[in-house]
Amino acid sequence: MVFAFLLVVFIDGQQVQIGGVAAFRDIHRCAFFAREIERTGNETWTTKRVYQQNKIQAHCEPKFFPKETKFWD
């Protein structure tokens, strides 16, 4: 077993099933993707203005994974 972090994404409070495992050994790499998902997913462009929305949330959960798991870092 390998201790790593699972990237979890929520839209409107519901967890998104992405059809795979987004696992990272490095918490900083996982946190980077979580921040970028929240930042880019919560912006709406109208003409030349950007409006913030709070519909997408992402975080990293610590978890044990089998050694055969594909890690994204």
Protein backbone atom coordinates (compact mmCIF):
# COMPACT_ATOMS: atom_id res chain seq x y z
CA MET A 1 0.00 0.00 0.00
CA VAL A 2 1.11 3.57 -0.76
CA PHE A 3 0.04 6.64 1.20
CA ALA A 4 -1.05 9.33 -1.27
CA PHE A 5 -3.74 11.93 -1.96
CA LEU A 6 -6.98 11.66 -3.91
CA LEU A 7 -8.22 14.72 -5.80
CA VAL A 8 -11.94 15.10 -5.10
CA VAL A 9 -14.16 17.54 -7.04
CA PHE A 10 -17.64 18.79 -6.12
CA ILE A 11 -20.06 20.72 -8.36
CA ASP A 12 -23.02 22.32 -6.60
CA GLY A 13 -22.25 20.20 -3.53
CA GLN A 14 -22.34 16.88 -5.40
CA GLN A 15 -19.16 14.82 -5.80
CA VAL A 16 -18.16 14.39 -9.44
CA GLN A 17 -17.47 10.84 -10.60
CA ILE A 18 -14.62 11.30 -13.07
CA GLY A 19 -14.45 7.68 -14.15
CA GLY A 20 -10.97 7.13 -12.80
CA VAL A 21 -8.65 7.86 -9.91
CA ALA A 22 -6.78 11.17 -9.69
CA ALA A 23 -4.13 10.08 -7.19
CA PHE A 24 -0.97 12.02 -6.32
CA ARG A 25 1.96 11.04 -4.10
CA ASP A 26 2.86 14.72 -3.62
CA ILE A 27 0.29 16.81 -1.74
CA HIS A 28 1.61 20.01 -3.32
CA ARG A 29 0.92 18.67 -6.82
CA CYS A 30 -2.56 17.55 -5.80
CA ALA A 31 -3.26 20.93 -4.17
CA PHE A 32 -2.10 22.71 -7.34
CA PHE A 33 -4.73 20.90 -9.42
CA ALA A 34 -7.40 21.48 -6.75
CA ARG A 35 -6.68 25.24 -6.76
CA GLU A 36 -6.68 25.44 -10.56
CA ILE A 37 -9.95 23.52 -10.85
CA GLU A 38 -11.59 25.87 -8.36
CA ARG A 39 -10.07 29.00 -9.92
CA THR A 40 -10.90 28.25 -13.53
CA GLY A 41 -14.20 26.50 -12.88
CA ASN A 42 -15.61 29.34 -10.81
CA GLU A 43 -15.13 32.14 -13.35
CA THR A 44 -17.74 33.21 -15.85
CA TRP A 45 -16.79 35.63 -18.60
CA THR A 46 -19.34 38.13 -19.88
CA THR A 47 -17.94 40.64 -22.35
CA LYS A 48 -14.79 41.98 -20.64
CA ARG A 49 -15.69 41.18 -17.04
CA VAL A 50 -15.14 38.08 -14.97
CA TYR A 51 -17.75 37.10 -12.39
CA GLN A 52 -16.92 34.67 -9.62
CA GLN A 53 -19.17 31.71 -8.88
CA ASN A 54 -18.87 29.27 -6.02
CA LYS A 55 -20.17 26.13 -7.68
CA ILE A 56 -16.97 24.09 -7.99
CA GLN A 57 -14.90 22.93 -5.03
CA ALA A 58 -11.88 20.62 -4.99
CA HIS A 59 -9.64 19.22 -2.27
CA CYS A 60 -7.15 16.43 -1.61
CA GLU A 61 -8.01 13.52 0.67
CA PRO A 62 -5.24 11.41 2.24
CA LYS A 63 -5.71 7.73 1.49
CA PHE A 64 -3.88 4.43 1.03
CA PHE A 65 -3.68 3.10 -2.53
CA PRO A 66 -2.51 -0.23 -3.96
CA LYS A 67 1.03 -0.14 -5.38
CA GLU A 68 -0.37 -0.75 -8.88
CA THR A 69 -2.27 2.57 -8.87
CA LYS A 70 -1.28 5.07 -11.55
CA PHE A 71 -0.16 8.31 -9.92
CA TRP A 72 -0.30 11.64 -11.77
CA ASP A 73 2.87 13.24 -10.40
